[in-house]
Amino acid sequence: MSGLPGVEAPMSGLRGAFAAGRFAVTAEIGPPRGADAEAITRKADHLRGWVDAANVTDNQGANVRMSSLAGSLLAQRAGVEPVMQLTCRDRNRMALQSDLLAAGALGIPNVLLLTGDHPRFGDHPEAKPVFDLDGVQLVWTARTLRDDGVLMSGKAVSPRPAWLIGTVENPFAPPLTFRARRLAKKVAAGAEFVQTQYVFDFEVFERWMASLRDLGVTEHCKIIAGVGPIRSLRALDFMRTAVPGVHVPDELDRRLRGVPAGRVEEEGIEVCVEAVQRLATIPGVAGVHLMALGFEHGVPDILRRAGIPRPPTVLPDHNRHHPMEGIGHAR
């Protein structure tokens, strides 16, 4: 991982996991469609002590939710280290840089930068997309802002933010031969960790990992593989037909359809457990990103069954702050 010139950042959960060579675990917290701070707290309660950090999504699926910045602050106050997602869909370069500075001022230790889904796929299809920058350009902007202390305008920033910079990648989107080089481009721009799309096809994923190792990408960027439980046949059909870039192998489809209806959820969870275990054996894989929106309470069981050791909880229950306490008083 690259250093932060002129910046002394605290060792966060995710940063600490990478530095220690520990198998990292991240999860997701989807902000509510409403002004409910406790919705974030309830989800964080299930994840605290089990994950190194949790993504707070940014209007996921192009649907309006509480902002990722507010959600990240609430998650942090509930004892879960946030990864603040930031998309190019809704903001121009001024707003993007402003939110990055805000994240730094509020002590949010990780940002995940991506282009974002087009509004036509969400609940406001008539909204005008921005896309002033794309994901690669946003990564470069964040790295320049942090390491060089300058805005895109060239004006100096002081003090500099100190977050860890993340990106996303889909190893299964065509053309497959391009995917490793695409990530290498993002790493050259400044990405220090990457979270992938769901991994169900291990043959394709392992070829992608081999290409990353050949390119030297794994020496500069931590690879966090996406996993998640398929808990129903309806979810299986959705994965196969409606999630771009997800390939569910026929063997997995037959496995889930071959059990009694009442056992589909348990079988899907077992598949996820097996995936975590297999990914932990692949050279260059630094961790897993457990996508279980609406199933946060099941994350501890998946990790426990997979045999992934977790560090002790940094912020015990009795030391937690109320989610709104101290807002406006960033450290």
C-alpha atoms as a PDB file:
ATOM      1  CA  MET A   1       0.000   0.000   0.000  1.00  0.00           C
ATOM      2  CA  SER A   2       1.214   3.455  -0.807  1.00  0.00           C
ATOM      3  CA  GLY A   3       2.199   5.833   1.969  1.00  0.00           C
ATOM      4  CA  LEU A   4       0.501   9.122   2.643  1.00  0.00           C
ATOM      5  CA  PRO A   5       3.082  11.881   2.179  1.00  0.00           C
ATOM      6  CA  GLY A   6       2.752  14.521   4.851  1.00  0.00           C
ATOM      7  CA  VAL A   7      -0.142  12.730   6.516  1.00  0.00           C
ATOM      8  CA  GLU A   8      -0.179  10.623   9.659  1.00  0.00           C
ATOM      9  CA  ALA A   9      -3.383   8.585   9.547  1.00  0.00           C
ATOM     10  CA  PRO A  10      -4.541   6.388  12.417  1.00  0.00           C
ATOM     11  CA  MET A  11      -4.488   2.632  11.845  1.00  0.00           C
ATOM     12  CA  SER A  12      -8.103   1.842  11.120  1.00  0.00           C
ATOM     13  CA  GLY A  13      -9.718  -1.573  11.238  1.00  0.00           C
ATOM     14  CA  LEU A  14      -9.376  -2.110   7.495  1.00  0.00           C
ATOM     15  CA  ARG A  15      -5.991  -0.437   7.276  1.00  0.00           C
ATOM     16  CA  GLY A  16      -4.851  -2.437  10.296  1.00  0.00           C
ATOM     17  CA  ALA A  17      -6.023  -5.716   8.746  1.00  0.00           C
ATOM     18  CA  PHE A  18      -4.071  -5.004   5.577  1.00  0.00           C
ATOM     19  CA  ALA A  19      -0.967  -3.947   7.494  1.00  0.00           C
ATOM     20  CA  ALA A  20      -1.071  -7.078   9.658  1.00  0.00           C
ATOM     21  CA  GLY A  21      -1.694  -9.400   6.723  1.00  0.00           C
ATOM     22  CA  ARG A  22      -4.942 -10.536   8.340  1.00  0.00           C
ATOM     23  CA  PHE A  23      -7.751 -11.833   6.127  1.00  0.00           C
ATOM     24  CA  ALA A  24     -10.028  -8.793   5.953  1.00  0.00           C
ATOM     25  CA  VAL A  25     -13.812  -8.836   6.055  1.00  0.00           C
ATOM     26  CA  THR A  26     -16.065  -6.036   4.879  1.00  0.00           C
ATOM     27  CA  ALA A  27     -19.857  -5.990   4.689  1.00  0.00           C
ATOM     28  CA  GLU A  28     -22.552  -3.532   3.619  1.00  0.00           C
ATOM     29  CA  ILE A  29     -24.960  -1.210   5.360  1.00  0.00           C
ATOM     30  CA  GLY A  30     -27.693   0.123   3.127  1.00  0.00           C
ATOM     31  CA  PRO A  31     -29.005   3.485   4.409  1.00  0.00           C
ATOM     32  CA  PRO A  32     -32.775   3.700   4.876  1.00  0.00           C
ATOM     33  CA  ARG A  33     -35.336   5.404   2.694  1.00  0.00           C
ATOM     34  CA  GLY A  34     -36.131   7.820   5.488  1.00  0.00           C
ATOM     35  CA  ALA A  35     -34.628   9.972   8.225  1.00  0.00           C
ATOM     36  CA  ASP A  36     -34.126   7.068  10.642  1.00  0.00           C
ATOM     37  CA  ALA A  37     -30.738   7.123  12.365  1.00  0.00           C
ATOM     38  CA  GLU A  38     -31.572   3.963  14.304  1.00  0.00           C
ATOM     39  CA  ALA A  39     -31.893   1.985  11.063  1.00  0.00           C
ATOM     40  CA  ILE A  40     -28.130   2.333  10.631  1.00  0.00           C
ATOM     41  CA  THR A  41     -27.487   1.528  14.293  1.00  0.00           C
ATOM     42  CA  ARG A  42     -29.552  -1.654  14.178  1.00  0.00           C
ATOM     43  CA  LYS A  43     -27.579  -2.972  11.219  1.00  0.00           C
ATOM     44  CA  ALA A  44     -24.275  -1.940  12.750  1.00  0.00           C
ATOM     45  CA  ASP A  45     -25.162  -3.839  15.931  1.00  0.00           C
ATOM     46  CA  HIS A  46     -25.063  -7.123  13.991  1.00  0.00           C
ATOM     47  CA  LEU A  47     -21.733  -6.355  12.322  1.00  0.00           C
ATOM     48  CA  ARG A  48     -19.755  -4.762  15.139  1.00  0.00           C
ATOM     49  CA  GLY A  49     -16.788  -6.931  16.107  1.00  0.00           C
ATOM     50  CA  TRP A  50     -17.211  -9.220  13.091  1.00  0.00           C
ATOM     51  CA  VAL A  51     -16.143  -7.012  10.198  1.00  0.00           C
ATOM     52  CA  ASP A  52     -13.154  -4.746   9.725  1.00  0.00           C
ATOM     53  CA  ALA A  53     -15.352  -2.187   7.978  1.00  0.00           C
ATOM     54  CA  ALA A  54     -18.754  -1.863   6.332  1.00  0.00           C
ATOM     55  CA  ASN A  55     -19.632  -0.096   3.100  1.00  0.00           C
ATOM     56  CA  VAL A  56     -22.305   2.549   3.428  1.00  0.00           C
ATOM     57  CA  THR A  57     -23.878   2.591   0.001  1.00  0.00           C
ATOM     58  CA  ASP A  58     -24.559   5.727  -2.042  1.00  0.00           C
ATOM     59  CA  ASN A  59     -28.124   5.659  -3.406  1.00  0.00           C
ATOM     60  CA  GLN A  60     -27.609   2.010  -4.336  1.00  0.00           C
ATOM     61  CA  GLY A  61     -29.287   0.928  -7.538  1.00  0.00           C
ATOM     62  CA  ALA A  62     -29.899   4.618  -8.321  1.00  0.00           C
ATOM     63  CA  ASN A  63     -32.627   4.689  -5.639  1.00  0.00           C
ATOM     64  CA  VAL A  64     -32.871   7.606  -3.213  1.00  0.00           C
ATOM     65  CA  ARG A  65     -31.688   6.783   0.316  1.00  0.00           C
ATOM     66  CA  MET A  66     -30.100   8.630   3.208  1.00  0.00           C
ATOM     67  CA  SER A  67     -26.729   9.992   2.075  1.00  0.00           C
ATOM     68  CA  SER A  68     -23.660   7.791   2.385  1.00  0.00           C
ATOM     69  CA  LEU A  69     -21.875  10.588   4.260  1.00  0.00           C
ATOM     70  CA  ALA A  70     -24.528  10.734   6.990  1.00  0.00           C
ATOM     71  CA  GLY A  71     -24.805   6.952   7.073  1.00  0.00           C
ATOM     72  CA  SER A  72     -21.048   6.594   7.427  1.00  0.00           C
ATOM     73  CA  LEU A  73     -20.975   8.970  10.371  1.00  0.00           C
ATOM     74  CA  LEU A  74     -23.836   7.110  12.051  1.00  0.00           C
ATOM     75  CA  ALA A  75     -22.155   3.725  11.484  1.00  0.00           C
ATOM     76  CA  GLN A  76     -18.912   5.055  12.924  1.00  0.00           C
ATOM     77  CA  ARG A  77     -20.691   6.309  16.037  1.00  0.00           C
ATOM     78  CA  ALA A  78     -22.290   2.862  16.378  1.00  0.00           C
ATOM     79  CA  GLY A  79     -18.870   1.231  16.513  1.00  0.00           C
ATOM     80  CA  VAL A  80     -18.498  -0.007  12.928  1.00  0.00           C
ATOM     81  CA  GLU A  81     -15.763   1.461  10.756  1.00  0.00           C
ATOM     82  CA  PRO A  82     -17.356   2.809   7.563  1.00  0.00           C
ATOM     83  CA  VAL A  83     -16.302   2.651   3.953  1.00  0.00           C
ATOM     84  CA  MET A  84     -18.079   5.650   2.446  1.00  0.00           C
ATOM     85  CA  GLN A  85     -19.207   4.970  -1.101  1.00  0.00           C
ATOM     86  CA  LEU A  86     -19.170   7.913  -3.483  1.00  0.00           C
ATOM     87  CA  THR A  87     -20.546   7.766  -7.034  1.00  0.00           C
ATOM     88  CA  CYS A  88     -20.076  10.087  -9.976  1.00  0.00           C
ATOM     89  CA  ARG A  89     -23.722   9.758 -11.015  1.00  0.00           C
ATOM     90  CA  ASP A  90     -25.153  12.502  -8.795  1.00  0.00           C
ATOM     91  CA  ARG A  91     -22.298  15.012  -8.413  1.00  0.00           C
ATOM     92  CA  ASN A  92     -20.005  17.164 -10.501  1.00  0.00           C
ATOM     93  CA  ARG A  93     -16.303  17.466  -9.692  1.00  0.00           C
ATOM     94  CA  MET A  94     -16.882  20.288  -7.212  1.00  0.00           C
ATOM     95  CA  ALA A  95     -19.406  18.304  -5.166  1.00  0.00           C
ATOM     96  CA  LEU A  96     -17.275  15.154  -5.291  1.00  0.00           C
ATOM     97  CA  GLN A  97     -14.225  16.952  -3.930  1.00  0.00           C
ATOM     98  CA  SER A  98     -16.353  18.691  -1.319  1.00  0.00           C
ATOM     99  CA  ASP A  99     -17.730  15.354  -0.049  1.00  0.00           C
ATOM    100  CA  LEU A 100     -14.229  13.842  -0.005  1.00  0.00           C
ATOM    101  CA  LEU A 101     -13.016  16.728   2.141  1.00  0.00           C
ATOM    102  CA  ALA A 102     -16.040  16.328   4.421  1.00  0.00           C
ATOM    103  CA  ALA A 103     -15.237  12.631   4.870  1.00  0.00           C
ATOM    104  CA  GLY A 104     -11.696  13.551   5.825  1.00  0.00           C
ATOM    105  CA  ALA A 105     -12.824  16.202   8.292  1.00  0.00           C
ATOM    106  CA  LEU A 106     -15.261  13.798   9.959  1.00  0.00           C
ATOM    107  CA  GLY A 107     -12.625  11.112  10.375  1.00  0.00           C
ATOM    108  CA  ILE A 108     -14.154   8.635   7.934  1.00  0.00           C
ATOM    109  CA  PRO A 109     -11.176   6.347   7.249  1.00  0.00           C
ATOM    110  CA  ASN A 110     -12.116   4.718   3.925  1.00  0.00           C
ATOM    111  CA  VAL A 111     -13.769   5.810   0.691  1.00  0.00           C
ATOM    112  CA  LEU A 112     -14.945   3.601  -2.164  1.00  0.00           C
ATOM    113  CA  LEU A 113     -15.133   5.461  -5.454  1.00  0.00           C
ATOM    114  CA  LEU A 114     -17.205   4.317  -8.403  1.00  0.00           C
ATOM    115  CA  THR A 115     -19.010   5.599 -11.458  1.00  0.00           C
ATOM    116  CA  GLY A 116     -22.486   4.539 -10.308  1.00  0.00           C
ATOM    117  CA  ASP A 117     -25.632   3.168 -11.953  1.00  0.00           C
ATOM    118  CA  HIS A 118     -27.516   5.329 -14.436  1.00  0.00           C
ATOM    119  CA  PRO A 119     -30.660   6.990 -12.966  1.00  0.00           C
ATOM    120  CA  ARG A 120     -32.849   5.233 -15.529  1.00  0.00           C
ATOM    121  CA  PHE A 121     -32.423   2.016 -13.504  1.00  0.00           C
ATOM    122  CA  GLY A 122     -33.698   3.561 -10.252  1.00  0.00           C
ATOM    123  CA  ASP A 123     -36.728   5.236  -8.699  1.00  0.00           C
ATOM    124  CA  HIS A 124     -36.157   8.588 -10.434  1.00  0.00           C
ATOM    125  CA  PRO A 125     -35.583   7.554 -14.063  1.00  0.00           C
ATOM    126  CA  GLU A 126     -36.279  11.113 -15.229  1.00  0.00           C
ATOM    127  CA  ALA A 127     -33.339  12.483 -13.169  1.00  0.00           C
ATOM    128  CA  LYS A 128     -30.486  14.045 -15.102  1.00  0.00           C
ATOM    129  CA  PRO A 129     -27.232  12.114 -14.622  1.00  0.00           C
ATOM    130  CA  VAL A 130     -24.051  14.064 -13.960  1.00  0.00           C
ATOM    131  CA  PHE A 131     -21.074  11.781 -14.664  1.00  0.00           C
ATOM    132  CA  ASP A 132     -18.739  14.770 -14.787  1.00  0.00           C
ATOM    133  CA  LEU A 133     -15.991  12.286 -13.882  1.00  0.00           C
ATOM    134  CA  ASP A 134     -15.821   8.515 -14.156  1.00  0.00           C
ATOM    135  CA  GLY A 135     -14.621   6.068 -11.532  1.00  0.00           C
ATOM    136  CA  VAL A 136     -10.991   6.074 -12.657  1.00  0.00           C
ATOM    137  CA  GLN A 137     -10.858   9.871 -12.787  1.00  0.00           C
ATOM    138  CA  LEU A 138     -12.416  10.089  -9.325  1.00  0.00           C
ATOM    139  CA  VAL A 139      -9.780   7.718  -7.915  1.00  0.00           C
ATOM    140  CA  TRP A 140      -7.040   9.895  -9.453  1.00  0.00           C
ATOM    141  CA  THR A 141      -8.705  13.030  -8.045  1.00  0.00           C
ATOM    142  CA  ALA A 142      -8.856  11.544  -4.555  1.00  0.00           C
ATOM    143  CA  ARG A 143      -5.246  10.384  -4.667  1.00  0.00           C
ATOM    144  CA  THR A 144      -4.076  13.811  -5.824  1.00  0.00           C
ATOM    145  CA  LEU A 145      -6.166  15.542  -3.183  1.00  0.00           C
ATOM    146  CA  ARG A 146      -4.757  13.344  -0.438  1.00  0.00           C
ATOM    147  CA  ASP A 147      -1.126  12.812  -1.480  1.00  0.00           C
ATOM    148  CA  ASP A 148      -0.380  16.107  -3.239  1.00  0.00           C
ATOM    149  CA  GLY A 149      -2.762  18.304  -1.257  1.00  0.00           C
ATOM    150  CA  VAL A 150      -4.327  19.974  -4.289  1.00  0.00           C
ATOM    151  CA  LEU A 151      -7.779  20.214  -5.814  1.00  0.00           C
ATOM    152  CA  MET A 152      -8.428  19.618  -9.497  1.00  0.00           C
ATOM    153  CA  SER A 153      -8.246  23.391  -9.874  1.00  0.00           C
ATOM    154  CA  GLY A 154      -4.668  23.299  -8.606  1.00  0.00           C
ATOM    155  CA  LYS A 155      -5.518  25.139  -5.392  1.00  0.00           C
ATOM    156  CA  ALA A 156      -3.873  23.818  -2.236  1.00  0.00           C
ATOM    157  CA  VAL A 157      -5.750  21.932   0.497  1.00  0.00           C
ATOM    158  CA  SER A 158      -4.672  21.995   4.133  1.00  0.00           C
ATOM    159  CA  PRO A 159      -4.848  19.832   6.116  1.00  0.00           C
ATOM    160  CA  ARG A 160      -5.056  16.895   3.757  1.00  0.00           C
ATOM    161  CA  PRO A 161      -7.573  14.074   4.253  1.00  0.00           C
ATOM    162  CA  ALA A 162      -6.211  10.659   5.225  1.00  0.00           C
ATOM    163  CA  TRP A 163      -8.678   8.055   4.014  1.00  0.00           C
ATOM    164  CA  LEU A 164      -7.826   4.789   2.302  1.00  0.00           C
ATOM    165  CA  ILE A 165      -8.883   4.758  -1.362  1.00  0.00           C
ATOM    166  CA  GLY A 166     -10.945   1.876  -2.719  1.00  0.00           C
ATOM    167  CA  THR A 167     -12.516   0.968  -6.048  1.00  0.00           C
ATOM    168  CA  VAL A 168     -14.666  -1.788  -7.538  1.00  0.00           C
ATOM    169  CA  GLU A 169     -14.194  -4.299 -10.327  1.00  0.00           C
ATOM    170  CA  ASN A 170     -16.168  -7.045 -12.013  1.00  0.00           C
ATOM    171  CA  PRO A 171     -13.944  -9.963 -13.084  1.00  0.00           C
ATOM    172  CA  PHE A 172     -16.850 -11.539 -14.983  1.00  0.00           C
ATOM    173  CA  ALA A 173     -17.875  -8.719 -17.340  1.00  0.00           C
ATOM    174  CA  PRO A 174     -16.871  -9.148 -20.981  1.00  0.00           C
ATOM    175  CA  PRO A 175     -14.347  -8.950 -22.420  1.00  0.00           C
ATOM    176  CA  LEU A 176     -12.771 -11.097 -19.704  1.00  0.00           C
ATOM    177  CA  THR A 177      -9.242 -10.571 -21.018  1.00  0.00           C
ATOM    178  CA  PHE A 178      -9.557  -6.828 -20.349  1.00  0.00           C
ATOM    179  CA  ARG A 179     -10.626  -6.982 -16.717  1.00  0.00           C
ATOM    180  CA  ALA A 180      -7.211  -7.346 -15.078  1.00  0.00           C
ATOM    181  CA  ARG A 181      -5.739  -4.455 -17.089  1.00  0.00           C
ATOM    182  CA  ARG A 182      -8.757  -2.319 -16.259  1.00  0.00           C
ATOM    183  CA  LEU A 183      -8.088  -2.775 -12.560  1.00  0.00           C
ATOM    184  CA  ALA A 184      -4.395  -2.096 -13.141  1.00  0.00           C
ATOM    185  CA  LYS A 185      -5.418   1.270 -14.595  1.00  0.00           C
ATOM    186  CA  LYS A 186      -7.382   2.086 -11.449  1.00  0.00           C
ATOM    187  CA  VAL A 187      -4.472   1.042  -9.242  1.00  0.00           C
ATOM    188  CA  ALA A 188      -2.147   3.274 -11.264  1.00  0.00           C
ATOM    189  CA  ALA A 189      -4.609   6.098 -10.593  1.00  0.00           C
ATOM    190  CA  GLY A 190      -4.361   5.492  -6.838  1.00  0.00           C
ATOM    191  CA  ALA A 191      -6.689   2.674  -5.735  1.00  0.00           C
ATOM    192  CA  GLU A 192      -5.350   0.764  -2.718  1.00  0.00           C
ATOM    193  CA  PHE A 193      -8.063  -1.841  -2.354  1.00  0.00           C
ATOM    194  CA  VAL A 194     -10.766  -3.245  -4.612  1.00  0.00           C
ATOM    195  CA  GLN A 195     -14.037  -4.998  -3.888  1.00  0.00           C
ATOM    196  CA  THR A 196     -15.338  -7.304  -6.605  1.00  0.00           C
ATOM    197  CA  GLN A 197     -18.711  -8.392  -7.886  1.00  0.00           C
ATOM    198  CA  TYR A 198     -20.138 -11.638  -6.436  1.00  0.00           C
ATOM    199  CA  VAL A 199     -17.806 -14.591  -7.022  1.00  0.00           C
ATOM    200  CA  PHE A 200     -19.675 -17.748  -7.975  1.00  0.00           C
ATOM    201  CA  ASP A 201     -17.531 -18.841 -10.935  1.00  0.00           C
ATOM    202  CA  PHE A 202     -14.201 -19.739  -9.352  1.00  0.00           C
ATOM    203  CA  GLU A 203     -12.563 -20.847 -12.585  1.00  0.00           C
ATOM    204  CA  VAL A 204     -12.934 -17.396 -14.143  1.00  0.00           C
ATOM    205  CA  PHE A 205     -12.047 -15.654 -10.879  1.00  0.00           C
ATOM    206  CA  GLU A 206      -8.838 -17.646 -10.397  1.00  0.00           C
ATOM    207  CA  ARG A 207      -7.736 -16.849 -13.957  1.00  0.00           C
ATOM    208  CA  TRP A 208      -8.368 -13.163 -13.216  1.00  0.00           C
ATOM    209  CA  MET A 209      -6.328 -13.395 -10.031  1.00  0.00           C
ATOM    210  CA  ALA A 210      -3.475 -15.059 -11.921  1.00  0.00           C
ATOM    211  CA  SER A 211      -3.493 -12.171 -14.405  1.00  0.00           C
ATOM    212  CA  LEU A 212      -3.418  -9.655 -11.547  1.00  0.00           C
ATOM    213  CA  ARG A 213      -0.425 -11.407 -10.009  1.00  0.00           C
ATOM    214  CA  ASP A 214       1.359 -11.446 -13.375  1.00  0.00           C
ATOM    215  CA  LEU A 215       0.770  -7.700 -13.760  1.00  0.00           C
ATOM    216  CA  GLY A 216       2.010  -7.012 -10.233  1.00  0.00           C
ATOM    217  CA  VAL A 217      -1.361  -5.547  -9.221  1.00  0.00           C
ATOM    218  CA  THR A 218      -1.626  -7.591  -6.019  1.00  0.00           C
ATOM    219  CA  GLU A 219       1.608  -6.007  -4.780  1.00  0.00           C
ATOM    220  CA  HIS A 220      -0.005  -2.562  -4.761  1.00  0.00           C
ATOM    221  CA  CYS A 221      -3.717  -3.223  -4.235  1.00  0.00           C
ATOM    222  CA  LYS A 222      -5.596  -5.443  -1.787  1.00  0.00           C
ATOM    223  CA  ILE A 223      -8.134  -7.698  -3.506  1.00  0.00           C
ATOM    224  CA  ILE A 224     -11.376  -8.197  -1.556  1.00  0.00           C
ATOM    225  CA  ALA A 225     -13.609 -10.778  -3.240  1.00  0.00           C
ATOM    226  CA  GLY A 226     -17.377 -10.328  -3.227  1.00  0.00           C
ATOM    227  CA  VAL A 227     -19.521 -13.064  -1.677  1.00  0.00           C
ATOM    228  CA  GLY A 228     -23.069 -13.359  -0.426  1.00  0.00           C
ATOM    229  CA  PRO A 229     -25.745 -15.917   0.422  1.00  0.00           C
ATOM    230  CA  ILE A 230     -28.435 -16.750  -2.146  1.00  0.00           C
ATOM    231  CA  ARG A 231     -31.323 -17.377   0.217  1.00  0.00           C
ATOM    232  CA  SER A 232     -34.207 -18.202  -2.131  1.00  0.00           C
ATOM    233  CA  LEU A 233     -34.928 -19.412  -5.655  1.00  0.00           C
ATOM    234  CA  ARG A 234     -36.358 -15.979  -6.402  1.00  0.00           C
ATOM    235  CA  ALA A 235     -33.013 -14.437  -5.418  1.00  0.00           C
ATOM    236  CA  LEU A 236     -31.255 -17.052  -7.573  1.00  0.00           C
ATOM    237  CA  ASP A 237     -33.348 -16.112 -10.606  1.00  0.00           C
ATOM    238  CA  PHE A 238     -32.687 -12.422  -9.941  1.00  0.00           C
ATOM    239  CA  MET A 239     -28.929 -13.057  -9.785  1.00  0.00           C
ATOM    240  CA  ARG A 240     -28.990 -15.004 -13.034  1.00  0.00           C
ATOM    241  CA  THR A 241     -31.086 -12.564 -15.046  1.00  0.00           C
ATOM    242  CA  ALA A 242     -31.029  -9.063 -13.537  1.00  0.00           C
ATOM    243  CA  VAL A 243     -27.609  -8.417 -12.000  1.00  0.00           C
ATOM    244  CA  PRO A 244     -25.150  -7.321 -14.713  1.00  0.00           C
ATOM    245  CA  GLY A 245     -21.889  -9.219 -14.777  1.00  0.00           C
ATOM    246  CA  VAL A 246     -22.906 -11.939 -12.326  1.00  0.00           C
ATOM    247  CA  HIS A 247     -22.392 -15.459 -13.633  1.00  0.00           C
ATOM    248  CA  VAL A 248     -24.099 -18.205 -11.663  1.00  0.00           C
ATOM    249  CA  PRO A 249     -22.708 -21.545 -12.914  1.00  0.00           C
ATOM    250  CA  ASP A 250     -25.192 -24.248 -13.879  1.00  0.00           C
ATOM    251  CA  GLU A 251     -23.764 -26.507 -11.175  1.00  0.00           C
ATOM    252  CA  LEU A 252     -24.710 -23.988  -8.470  1.00  0.00           C
ATOM    253  CA  ASP A 253     -28.148 -23.501 -10.019  1.00  0.00           C
ATOM    254  CA  ARG A 254     -28.770 -27.262  -9.927  1.00  0.00           C
ATOM    255  CA  ARG A 255     -27.502 -27.495  -6.335  1.00  0.00           C
ATOM    256  CA  LEU A 256     -29.920 -24.868  -5.034  1.00  0.00           C
ATOM    257  CA  ARG A 257     -32.863 -26.196  -7.028  1.00  0.00           C
ATOM    258  CA  GLY A 258     -32.099 -29.755  -5.951  1.00  0.00           C
ATOM    259  CA  VAL A 259     -32.888 -29.294  -2.263  1.00  0.00           C
ATOM    260  CA  PRO A 260     -36.356 -29.150  -0.663  1.00  0.00           C
ATOM    261  CA  ALA A 261     -37.933 -25.690  -0.694  1.00  0.00           C
ATOM    262  CA  GLY A 262     -37.489 -25.334   3.039  1.00  0.00           C
ATOM    263  CA  ARG A 263     -33.747 -25.920   2.785  1.00  0.00           C
ATOM    264  CA  VAL A 264     -32.869 -23.460   0.013  1.00  0.00           C
ATOM    265  CA  GLU A 265     -31.842 -20.697   2.425  1.00  0.00           C
ATOM    266  CA  GLU A 266     -29.607 -22.997   4.485  1.00  0.00           C
ATOM    267  CA  GLU A 267     -28.027 -24.422   1.328  1.00  0.00           C
ATOM    268  CA  GLY A 268     -27.397 -20.909   0.009  1.00  0.00           C
ATOM    269  CA  ILE A 269     -25.715 -19.946   3.256  1.00  0.00           C
ATOM    270  CA  GLU A 270     -23.560 -23.088   3.118  1.00  0.00           C
ATOM    271  CA  VAL A 271     -22.517 -22.188  -0.439  1.00  0.00           C
ATOM    272  CA  CYS A 272     -21.454 -18.770   0.848  1.00  0.00           C
ATOM    273  CA  VAL A 273     -19.469 -20.359   3.697  1.00  0.00           C
ATOM    274  CA  GLU A 274     -17.687 -22.638   1.236  1.00  0.00           C
ATOM    275  CA  ALA A 275     -16.941 -19.651  -1.012  1.00  0.00           C
ATOM    276  CA  VAL A 276     -15.305 -17.734   1.837  1.00  0.00           C
ATOM    277  CA  GLN A 277     -13.183 -20.756   2.698  1.00  0.00           C
ATOM    278  CA  ARG A 278     -12.080 -21.294  -0.904  1.00  0.00           C
ATOM    279  CA  LEU A 279     -11.298 -17.634  -1.505  1.00  0.00           C
ATOM    280  CA  ALA A 280      -9.091 -17.583   1.594  1.00  0.00           C
ATOM    281  CA  THR A 281      -6.808 -20.130  -0.110  1.00  0.00           C
ATOM    282  CA  ILE A 282      -6.277 -18.187  -3.359  1.00  0.00           C
ATOM    283  CA  PRO A 283      -2.934 -16.341  -3.510  1.00  0.00           C
ATOM    284  CA  GLY A 284      -3.427 -12.588  -3.588  1.00  0.00           C
ATOM    285  CA  VAL A 285      -6.937 -12.541  -2.113  1.00  0.00           C
ATOM    286  CA  ALA A 286      -6.736 -10.255   0.922  1.00  0.00           C
ATOM    287  CA  GLY A 287     -10.288 -10.701   2.181  1.00  0.00           C
ATOM    288  CA  VAL A 288     -13.974 -10.974   1.363  1.00  0.00           C
ATOM    289  CA  HIS A 289     -16.733  -8.427   0.925  1.00  0.00           C
ATOM    290  CA  LEU A 290     -19.873 -10.022   2.353  1.00  0.00           C
ATOM    291  CA  MET A 291     -22.933  -8.588   0.621  1.00  0.00           C
ATOM    292  CA  ALA A 292     -25.951  -9.501   2.731  1.00  0.00           C
ATOM    293  CA  LEU A 293     -28.242  -6.463   2.648  1.00  0.00           C
ATOM    294  CA  GLY A 294     -31.231  -7.220   4.852  1.00  0.00           C
ATOM    295  CA  PHE A 295     -29.406 -10.230   6.328  1.00  0.00           C
ATOM    296  CA  GLU A 296     -26.846  -8.449   8.475  1.00  0.00           C
ATOM    297  CA  HIS A 297     -27.798 -10.647  11.428  1.00  0.00           C
ATOM    298  CA  GLY A 298     -26.543 -13.676   9.481  1.00  0.00           C
ATOM    299  CA  VAL A 299     -23.028 -12.324   8.903  1.00  0.00           C
ATOM    300  CA  PRO A 300     -21.538 -13.544  12.226  1.00  0.00           C
ATOM    301  CA  ASP A 301     -22.803 -17.096  11.602  1.00  0.00           C
ATOM    302  CA  ILE A 302     -21.324 -17.184   8.092  1.00  0.00           C
ATOM    303  CA  LEU A 303     -17.922 -16.026   9.329  1.00  0.00           C
ATOM    304  CA  ARG A 304     -18.012 -18.351  12.318  1.00  0.00           C
ATOM    305  CA  ARG A 305     -18.828 -21.366  10.141  1.00  0.00           C
ATOM    306  CA  ALA A 306     -16.153 -20.376   7.630  1.00  0.00           C
ATOM    307  CA  GLY A 307     -13.578 -20.351  10.420  1.00  0.00           C
ATOM    308  CA  ILE A 308     -12.442 -16.789   9.771  1.00  0.00           C
ATOM    309  CA  PRO A 309     -10.848 -15.432  12.970  1.00  0.00           C
ATOM    310  CA  ARG A 310     -11.976 -11.979  13.969  1.00  0.00           C
ATOM    311  CA  PRO A 311     -10.083  -9.390  16.028  1.00  0.00           C
ATOM    312  CA  PRO A 312     -11.599  -8.244  19.321  1.00  0.00           C
ATOM    313  CA  THR A 313     -14.206  -5.509  19.129  1.00  0.00           C
ATOM    314  CA  VAL A 314     -12.569  -2.099  19.375  1.00  0.00           C
ATOM    315  CA  LEU A 315     -15.632  -0.284  20.702  1.00  0.00           C
ATOM    316  CA  PRO A 316     -17.596  -2.322  23.288  1.00  0.00           C
ATOM    317  CA  ASP A 317     -21.342  -1.830  23.691  1.00  0.00           C
ATOM    318  CA  HIS A 318     -21.038   0.091  26.952  1.00  0.00           C
ATOM    319  CA  ASN A 319     -18.729   2.648  25.338  1.00  0.00           C
ATOM    320  CA  ARG A 320     -20.867   3.313  22.314  1.00  0.00           C
ATOM    321  CA  HIS A 321     -22.183   6.801  21.662  1.00  0.00           C
ATOM    322  CA  HIS A 322     -25.726   7.625  20.744  1.00  0.00           C
ATOM    323  CA  PRO A 323     -25.794   7.862  16.926  1.00  0.00           C
ATOM    324  CA  MET A 324     -26.421  11.609  16.990  1.00  0.00           C
ATOM    325  CA  GLU A 325     -24.042  12.477  19.819  1.00  0.00           C
ATOM    326  CA  GLY A 326     -21.235  14.792  18.839  1.00  0.00           C
ATOM    327  CA  ILE A 327     -22.380  15.474  15.289  1.00  0.00           C
ATOM    328  CA  GLY A 328     -20.690  18.634  14.160  1.00  0.00           C
ATOM    329  CA  HIS A 329     -17.697  17.975  16.418  1.00  0.00           C
ATOM    330  CA  ALA A 330     -15.420  15.898  14.237  1.00  0.00           C
ATOM    331  CA  ARG A 331     -12.134  14.766  15.662  1.00  0.00           C
END
